[in-house]
PDB file of all heavy atoms in Angstrom:
ATOM      1  N   ILE A   1      11.438   0.259   0.587  1.00  0.00           N
ATOM      2  CA  ILE A   1      11.284   1.519  -0.275  1.00  0.00           C
ATOM      3  C   ILE A   1      11.554   2.743   0.597  1.00  0.00           C
ATOM      4  O   ILE A   1      11.008   2.757   1.746  1.00  0.00           O
ATOM      5  CB  ILE A   1       9.919   1.506  -0.910  1.00  0.00           C
ATOM      6  CG1 ILE A   1       9.790   2.634  -1.944  1.00  0.00           C
ATOM      7  CG2 ILE A   1       8.817   1.529   0.021  1.00  0.00           C
ATOM      8  CD1 ILE A   1       8.434   2.518  -2.758  1.00  0.00           C
ATOM      9  N   PRO A   2      12.125   3.735   0.139  1.00  0.00           N
ATOM     10  CA  PRO A   2      12.354   4.979   0.914  1.00  0.00           C
ATOM     11  C   PRO A   2      10.977   5.543   1.332  1.00  0.00           C
ATOM     12  O   PRO A   2      10.071   5.568   0.555  1.00  0.00           O
ATOM     13  CB  PRO A   2      13.124   5.876   0.018  1.00  0.00           C
ATOM     14  CG  PRO A   2      13.841   4.988  -0.941  1.00  0.00           C
ATOM     15  CD  PRO A   2      12.909   3.769  -1.156  1.00  0.00           C
ATOM     16  N   THR A   3      10.986   6.081   2.601  1.00  0.00           N
ATOM     17  CA  THR A   3       9.728   6.704   3.099  1.00  0.00           C
ATOM     18  C   THR A   3       9.149   7.763   2.172  1.00  0.00           C
ATOM     19  O   THR A   3       7.961   7.737   2.021  1.00  0.00           O
ATOM     20  CB  THR A   3      10.041   7.262   4.504  1.00  0.00           C
ATOM     21  OG1 THR A   3      10.361   6.226   5.365  1.00  0.00           O
ATOM     22  CG2 THR A   3       8.789   8.027   5.031  1.00  0.00           C
ATOM     23  N   VAL A   4       9.994   8.643   1.678  1.00  0.00           N
ATOM     24  CA  VAL A   4       9.486   9.720   0.856  1.00  0.00           C
ATOM     25  C   VAL A   4       8.807   9.258  -0.406  1.00  0.00           C
ATOM     26  O   VAL A   4       7.748   9.812  -0.828  1.00  0.00           O
ATOM     27  CB  VAL A   4      10.682  10.785   0.530  1.00  0.00           C
ATOM     28  CG1 VAL A   4      11.642  10.111  -0.381  1.00  0.00           C
ATOM     29  CG2 VAL A   4      10.129  11.972  -0.097  1.00  0.00           C
ATOM     30  N   ILE A   5       9.331   8.157  -1.040  1.00  0.00           N
ATOM     31  CA  ILE A   5       8.654   7.628  -2.220  1.00  0.00           C
ATOM     32  C   ILE A   5       7.413   6.883  -1.844  1.00  0.00           C
ATOM     33  O   ILE A   5       6.421   7.023  -2.474  1.00  0.00           O
ATOM     34  CB  ILE A   5       9.636   6.701  -2.946  1.00  0.00           C
ATOM     35  CG1 ILE A   5      10.882   7.554  -3.406  1.00  0.00           C
ATOM     36  CG2 ILE A   5       8.947   6.047  -4.186  1.00  0.00           C
ATOM     37  CD1 ILE A   5      11.939   6.658  -4.046  1.00  0.00           C
ATOM     38  N   TYR A   6       7.519   6.096  -0.738  1.00  0.00           N
ATOM     39  CA  TYR A   6       6.309   5.362  -0.335  1.00  0.00           C
ATOM     40  C   TYR A   6       5.125   6.217  -0.011  1.00  0.00           C
ATOM     41  O   TYR A   6       4.023   5.952  -0.459  1.00  0.00           O
ATOM     42  CB  TYR A   6       6.673   4.467   0.909  1.00  0.00           C
ATOM     43  CG  TYR A   6       5.460   3.752   1.507  1.00  0.00           C
ATOM     44  CD1 TYR A   6       5.018   2.535   0.956  1.00  0.00           C
ATOM     45  CD2 TYR A   6       4.741   4.335   2.564  1.00  0.00           C
ATOM     46  CE1 TYR A   6       3.952   1.886   1.483  1.00  0.00           C
ATOM     47  CE2 TYR A   6       3.676   3.659   3.159  1.00  0.00           C
ATOM     48  CZ  TYR A   6       3.238   2.448   2.575  1.00  0.00           C
ATOM     49  OH  TYR A   6       2.099   1.857   3.115  1.00  0.00           O
ATOM     50  N   GLU A   7       5.347   7.289   0.744  1.00  0.00           N
ATOM     51  CA  GLU A   7       4.309   8.105   1.166  1.00  0.00           C
ATOM     52  C   GLU A   7       3.651   8.864  -0.061  1.00  0.00           C
ATOM     53  O   GLU A   7       2.464   9.167  -0.052  1.00  0.00           O
ATOM     54  CB  GLU A   7       4.777   9.166   2.206  1.00  0.00           C
ATOM     55  CG  GLU A   7       5.083   8.465   3.480  1.00  0.00           C
ATOM     56  CD  GLU A   7       5.578   9.374   4.617  1.00  0.00           C
ATOM     57  OE1 GLU A   7       5.974  10.536   4.267  1.00  0.00           O
ATOM     58  OE2 GLU A   7       5.639   8.968   5.761  1.00  0.00           O
ATOM     59  N   HIS A   8       4.513   9.174  -1.099  1.00  0.00           N
ATOM     60  CA  HIS A   8       3.927   9.748  -2.318  1.00  0.00           C
ATOM     61  C   HIS A   8       3.119   8.708  -3.075  1.00  0.00           C
ATOM     62  O   HIS A   8       2.044   9.000  -3.588  1.00  0.00           O
ATOM     63  CB  HIS A   8       5.039  10.293  -3.130  1.00  0.00           C
ATOM     64  CG  HIS A   8       4.617  11.001  -4.394  1.00  0.00           C
ATOM     65  ND1 HIS A   8       3.779  12.121  -4.381  1.00  0.00           N
ATOM     66  CD2 HIS A   8       4.808  10.740  -5.738  1.00  0.00           C
ATOM     67  CE1 HIS A   8       3.524  12.523  -5.560  1.00  0.00           C
ATOM     68  NE2 HIS A   8       4.131  11.763  -6.417  1.00  0.00           N
ATOM     69  N   MET A   9       3.617   7.424  -3.037  1.00  0.00           N
ATOM     70  CA  MET A   9       2.917   6.300  -3.746  1.00  0.00           C
ATOM     71  C   MET A   9       1.506   6.142  -3.178  1.00  0.00           C
ATOM     72  O   MET A   9       0.549   5.829  -4.002  1.00  0.00           O
ATOM     73  CB  MET A   9       3.759   5.081  -3.702  1.00  0.00           C
ATOM     74  CG  MET A   9       5.030   5.096  -4.547  1.00  0.00           C
ATOM     75  SD  MET A   9       4.722   4.622  -6.263  1.00  0.00           S
ATOM     76  CE  MET A   9       4.296   2.948  -6.078  1.00  0.00           C
ATOM     77  N   VAL A  10       1.399   6.157  -1.891  1.00  0.00           N
ATOM     78  CA  VAL A  10       0.078   5.882  -1.259  1.00  0.00           C
ATOM     79  C   VAL A  10      -0.753   7.087  -0.936  1.00  0.00           C
ATOM     80  O   VAL A  10      -1.824   6.976  -0.323  1.00  0.00           O
ATOM     81  CB  VAL A  10       0.302   5.054   0.059  1.00  0.00           C
ATOM     82  CG1 VAL A  10       1.052   3.716  -0.305  1.00  0.00           C
ATOM     83  CG2 VAL A  10       1.077   5.806   1.044  1.00  0.00           C
ATOM     84  N   LYS A  11      -0.327   8.286  -1.403  1.00  0.00           N
ATOM     85  CA  LYS A  11      -0.997   9.494  -1.147  1.00  0.00           C
ATOM     86  C   LYS A  11      -2.411   9.405  -1.740  1.00  0.00           C
ATOM     87  O   LYS A  11      -2.588   8.971  -2.852  1.00  0.00           O
ATOM     88  CB  LYS A  11      -0.261  10.648  -1.740  1.00  0.00           C
ATOM     89  CG  LYS A  11      -0.821  12.012  -1.328  1.00  0.00           C
ATOM     90  CD  LYS A  11       0.114  13.141  -1.909  1.00  0.00           C
ATOM     91  CE  LYS A  11      -0.350  14.488  -1.459  1.00  0.00           C
ATOM     92  NZ  LYS A  11       0.479  15.658  -2.003  1.00  0.00           N
ATOM     93  N   ARG A  12      -3.431   9.898  -0.940  1.00  0.00           N
ATOM     94  CA  ARG A  12      -4.805   9.821  -1.306  1.00  0.00           C
ATOM     95  C   ARG A  12      -5.371   8.400  -1.533  1.00  0.00           C
ATOM     96  O   ARG A  12      -6.459   8.141  -2.058  1.00  0.00           O
ATOM     97  CB  ARG A  12      -5.092  10.568  -2.674  1.00  0.00           C
ATOM     98  CG  ARG A  12      -4.688  12.075  -2.572  1.00  0.00           C
ATOM     99  CD  ARG A  12      -4.938  12.746  -3.855  1.00  0.00           C
ATOM    100  NE  ARG A  12      -4.581  14.207  -3.734  1.00  0.00           N
ATOM    101  CZ  ARG A  12      -4.557  15.026  -4.778  1.00  0.00           C
ATOM    102  NH1 ARG A  12      -4.971  14.620  -5.985  1.00  0.00           N
ATOM    103  NH2 ARG A  12      -4.169  16.303  -4.611  1.00  0.00           N
ATOM    104  N   LEU A  13      -4.624   7.412  -1.027  1.00  0.00           N
ATOM    105  CA  LEU A  13      -5.163   6.023  -1.037  1.00  0.00           C
ATOM    106  C   LEU A  13      -5.644   5.758   0.353  1.00  0.00           C
ATOM    107  O   LEU A  13      -4.930   5.872   1.349  1.00  0.00           O
ATOM    108  CB  LEU A  13      -3.980   5.103  -1.358  1.00  0.00           C
ATOM    109  CG  LEU A  13      -4.400   3.585  -1.544  1.00  0.00           C
ATOM    110  CD1 LEU A  13      -5.403   3.415  -2.661  1.00  0.00           C
ATOM    111  CD2 LEU A  13      -3.172   2.785  -1.861  1.00  0.00           C
ATOM    112  N   SER A  14      -6.901   5.347   0.517  1.00  0.00           N
ATOM    113  CA  SER A  14      -7.539   5.048   1.753  1.00  0.00           C
ATOM    114  C   SER A  14      -6.771   4.034   2.544  1.00  0.00           C
ATOM    115  O   SER A  14      -6.496   2.890   2.022  1.00  0.00           O
ATOM    116  CB  SER A  14      -9.013   4.661   1.559  1.00  0.00           C
ATOM    117  OG  SER A  14      -9.468   4.080   2.705  1.00  0.00           O
ATOM    118  N   ALA A  15      -6.389   4.336   3.804  1.00  0.00           N
ATOM    119  CA  ALA A  15      -5.756   3.286   4.631  1.00  0.00           C
ATOM    120  C   ALA A  15      -6.558   2.136   4.851  1.00  0.00           C
ATOM    121  O   ALA A  15      -6.154   0.947   4.910  1.00  0.00           O
ATOM    122  CB  ALA A  15      -5.354   3.948   5.998  1.00  0.00           C
ATOM    123  N   GLY A  16      -7.913   2.288   4.943  1.00  0.00           N
ATOM    124  CA  GLY A  16      -8.817   1.204   5.169  1.00  0.00           C
ATOM    125  C   GLY A  16      -8.865   0.317   3.901  1.00  0.00           C
ATOM    126  O   GLY A  16      -8.944  -0.939   4.064  1.00  0.00           O
ATOM    127  N   LEU A  17      -8.746   0.964   2.748  1.00  0.00           N
ATOM    128  CA  LEU A  17      -8.772   0.086   1.479  1.00  0.00           C
ATOM    129  C   LEU A  17      -7.445  -0.762   1.408  1.00  0.00           C
ATOM    130  O   LEU A  17      -7.489  -1.905   1.047  1.00  0.00           O
ATOM    131  CB  LEU A  17      -8.848   1.064   0.313  1.00  0.00           C
ATOM    132  CG  LEU A  17      -8.847   0.387  -1.135  1.00  0.00           C
ATOM    133  CD1 LEU A  17     -10.068  -0.502  -1.253  1.00  0.00           C
ATOM    134  CD2 LEU A  17      -8.783   1.410  -2.168  1.00  0.00           C
ATOM    135  N   VAL A  18      -6.386  -0.122   1.826  1.00  0.00           N
ATOM    136  CA  VAL A  18      -5.074  -0.843   1.832  1.00  0.00           C
ATOM    137  C   VAL A  18      -5.191  -2.053   2.693  1.00  0.00           C
ATOM    138  O   VAL A  18      -4.758  -3.162   2.324  1.00  0.00           O
ATOM    139  CB  VAL A  18      -3.931   0.033   2.222  1.00  0.00           C
ATOM    140  CG1 VAL A  18      -2.624  -0.794   2.329  1.00  0.00           C
ATOM    141  CG2 VAL A  18      -3.718   1.151   1.187  1.00  0.00           C
ATOM    142  N   LYS A  19      -5.646  -1.844   3.932  1.00  0.00           N
ATOM    143  CA  LYS A  19      -5.774  -2.970   4.918  1.00  0.00           C
ATOM    144  C   LYS A  19      -6.735  -4.026   4.480  1.00  0.00           C
ATOM    145  O   LYS A  19      -6.542  -5.247   4.747  1.00  0.00           O
ATOM    146  CB  LYS A  19      -6.120  -2.430   6.332  1.00  0.00           C
ATOM    147  CG  LYS A  19      -5.021  -1.488   6.899  1.00  0.00           C
ATOM    148  CD  LYS A  19      -5.454  -0.963   8.262  1.00  0.00           C
ATOM    149  CE  LYS A  19      -4.435  -0.074   8.846  1.00  0.00           C
ATOM    150  NZ  LYS A  19      -4.818   0.535  10.137  1.00  0.00           N
ATOM    151  N   SER A  20      -7.837  -3.663   3.825  1.00  0.00           N
ATOM    152  CA  SER A  20      -8.923  -4.668   3.529  1.00  0.00           C
ATOM    153  C   SER A  20      -8.681  -5.289   2.182  1.00  0.00           C
ATOM    154  O   SER A  20      -9.194  -6.425   2.032  1.00  0.00           O
ATOM    155  CB  SER A  20     -10.287  -3.980   3.704  1.00  0.00           C
ATOM    156  OG  SER A  20     -10.377  -2.890   2.637  1.00  0.00           O
ATOM    157  N   ALA A  21      -8.090  -4.598   1.255  1.00  0.00           N
ATOM    158  CA  ALA A  21      -8.171  -5.026  -0.197  1.00  0.00           C
ATOM    159  C   ALA A  21      -6.746  -5.477  -0.659  1.00  0.00           C
ATOM    160  O   ALA A  21      -6.760  -6.261  -1.602  1.00  0.00           O
ATOM    161  CB  ALA A  21      -8.678  -3.968  -1.069  1.00  0.00           C
ATOM    162  N   MET A  22      -5.635  -4.974  -0.111  1.00  0.00           N
ATOM    163  CA  MET A  22      -4.361  -5.291  -0.659  1.00  0.00           C
ATOM    164  C   MET A  22      -4.052  -6.758  -0.727  1.00  0.00           C
ATOM    165  O   MET A  22      -4.342  -7.513   0.198  1.00  0.00           O
ATOM    166  CB  MET A  22      -3.261  -4.648   0.127  1.00  0.00           C
ATOM    167  CG  MET A  22      -1.814  -4.775  -0.428  1.00  0.00           C
ATOM    168  SD  MET A  22      -1.499  -3.872  -1.964  1.00  0.00           S
ATOM    169  CE  MET A  22      -1.117  -2.247  -1.298  1.00  0.00           C
ATOM    170  N   ASP A  23      -3.509  -7.212  -1.865  1.00  0.00           N
ATOM    171  CA  ASP A  23      -3.180  -8.607  -1.991  1.00  0.00           C
ATOM    172  C   ASP A  23      -1.971  -8.991  -1.146  1.00  0.00           C
ATOM    173  O   ASP A  23      -0.862  -8.456  -1.400  1.00  0.00           O
ATOM    174  CB  ASP A  23      -2.801  -8.909  -3.501  1.00  0.00           C
ATOM    175  CG  ASP A  23      -2.437 -10.382  -3.732  1.00  0.00           C
ATOM    176  OD1 ASP A  23      -2.981 -11.253  -3.019  1.00  0.00           O
ATOM    177  OD2 ASP A  23      -1.572 -10.613  -4.575  1.00  0.00           O
ATOM    178  N   HIS A  24      -2.221  -9.863  -0.141  1.00  0.00           N
ATOM    179  CA  HIS A  24      -1.113 -10.274   0.805  1.00  0.00           C
ATOM    180  C   HIS A  24      -0.817 -11.770   0.569  1.00  0.00           C
ATOM    181  O   HIS A  24      -0.183 -12.419   1.436  1.00  0.00           O
ATOM    182  CB  HIS A  24      -1.523 -10.066   2.245  1.00  0.00           C
ATOM    183  CG  HIS A  24      -1.607  -8.594   2.604  1.00  0.00           C
ATOM    184  ND1 HIS A  24      -2.561  -8.116   3.482  1.00  0.00           N
ATOM    185  CD2 HIS A  24      -0.827  -7.585   2.229  1.00  0.00           C
ATOM    186  CE1 HIS A  24      -2.418  -6.784   3.626  1.00  0.00           C
ATOM    187  NE2 HIS A  24      -1.339  -6.470   2.857  1.00  0.00           N
ATOM    188  N   SER A  25      -1.159 -12.322  -0.518  1.00  0.00           N
ATOM    189  CA  SER A  25      -0.841 -13.749  -0.821  1.00  0.00           C
ATOM    190  C   SER A  25       0.660 -13.962  -1.012  1.00  0.00           C
ATOM    191  O   SER A  25       1.403 -13.041  -1.413  1.00  0.00           O
ATOM    192  CB  SER A  25      -1.686 -14.255  -1.990  1.00  0.00           C
ATOM    193  OG  SER A  25      -1.265 -13.495  -3.180  1.00  0.00           O
ATOM    194  N   VAL A  26       1.039 -15.202  -0.874  1.00  0.00           N
ATOM    195  CA  VAL A  26       2.476 -15.596  -1.138  1.00  0.00           C
ATOM    196  C   VAL A  26       2.547 -15.921  -2.639  1.00  0.00           C
ATOM    197  O   VAL A  26       1.844 -16.741  -3.169  1.00  0.00           O
ATOM    198  CB  VAL A  26       2.866 -16.842  -0.295  1.00  0.00           C
ATOM    199  CG1 VAL A  26       4.254 -17.251  -0.632  1.00  0.00           C
ATOM    200  CG2 VAL A  26       2.740 -16.540   1.170  1.00  0.00           C
ATOM    201  N   PRO A  27       3.454 -15.213  -3.332  1.00  0.00           N
ATOM    202  CA  PRO A  27       3.555 -15.400  -4.812  1.00  0.00           C
ATOM    203  C   PRO A  27       4.063 -16.706  -5.165  1.00  0.00           C
ATOM    204  O   PRO A  27       4.920 -17.323  -4.474  1.00  0.00           O
ATOM    205  CB  PRO A  27       4.488 -14.277  -5.229  1.00  0.00           C
ATOM    206  CG  PRO A  27       5.256 -13.906  -3.999  1.00  0.00           C
ATOM    207  CD  PRO A  27       4.370 -14.146  -2.807  1.00  0.00           C
ATOM    208  N   ASP A  28       3.633 -17.176  -6.349  1.00  0.00           N
ATOM    209  CA  ASP A  28       4.210 -18.485  -6.889  1.00  0.00           C
ATOM    210  C   ASP A  28       5.592 -18.166  -7.407  1.00  0.00           C
ATOM    211  O   ASP A  28       5.956 -17.107  -7.790  1.00  0.00           O
ATOM    212  CB  ASP A  28       3.318 -19.000  -8.046  1.00  0.00           C
ATOM    213  CG  ASP A  28       1.899 -19.351  -7.500  1.00  0.00           C
ATOM    214  OD1 ASP A  28       1.823 -19.764  -6.359  1.00  0.00           O
ATOM    215  OD2 ASP A  28       0.962 -19.178  -8.294  1.00  0.00           O
TER     216      ASP A  28
END
């Protein structure tokens, strides 16, 4: 994803929340 869009998408989202809560499972 382009950097400019990604950074807008995650704006105000806690980096700690992303690291601890984001779903990293392998999809079916």
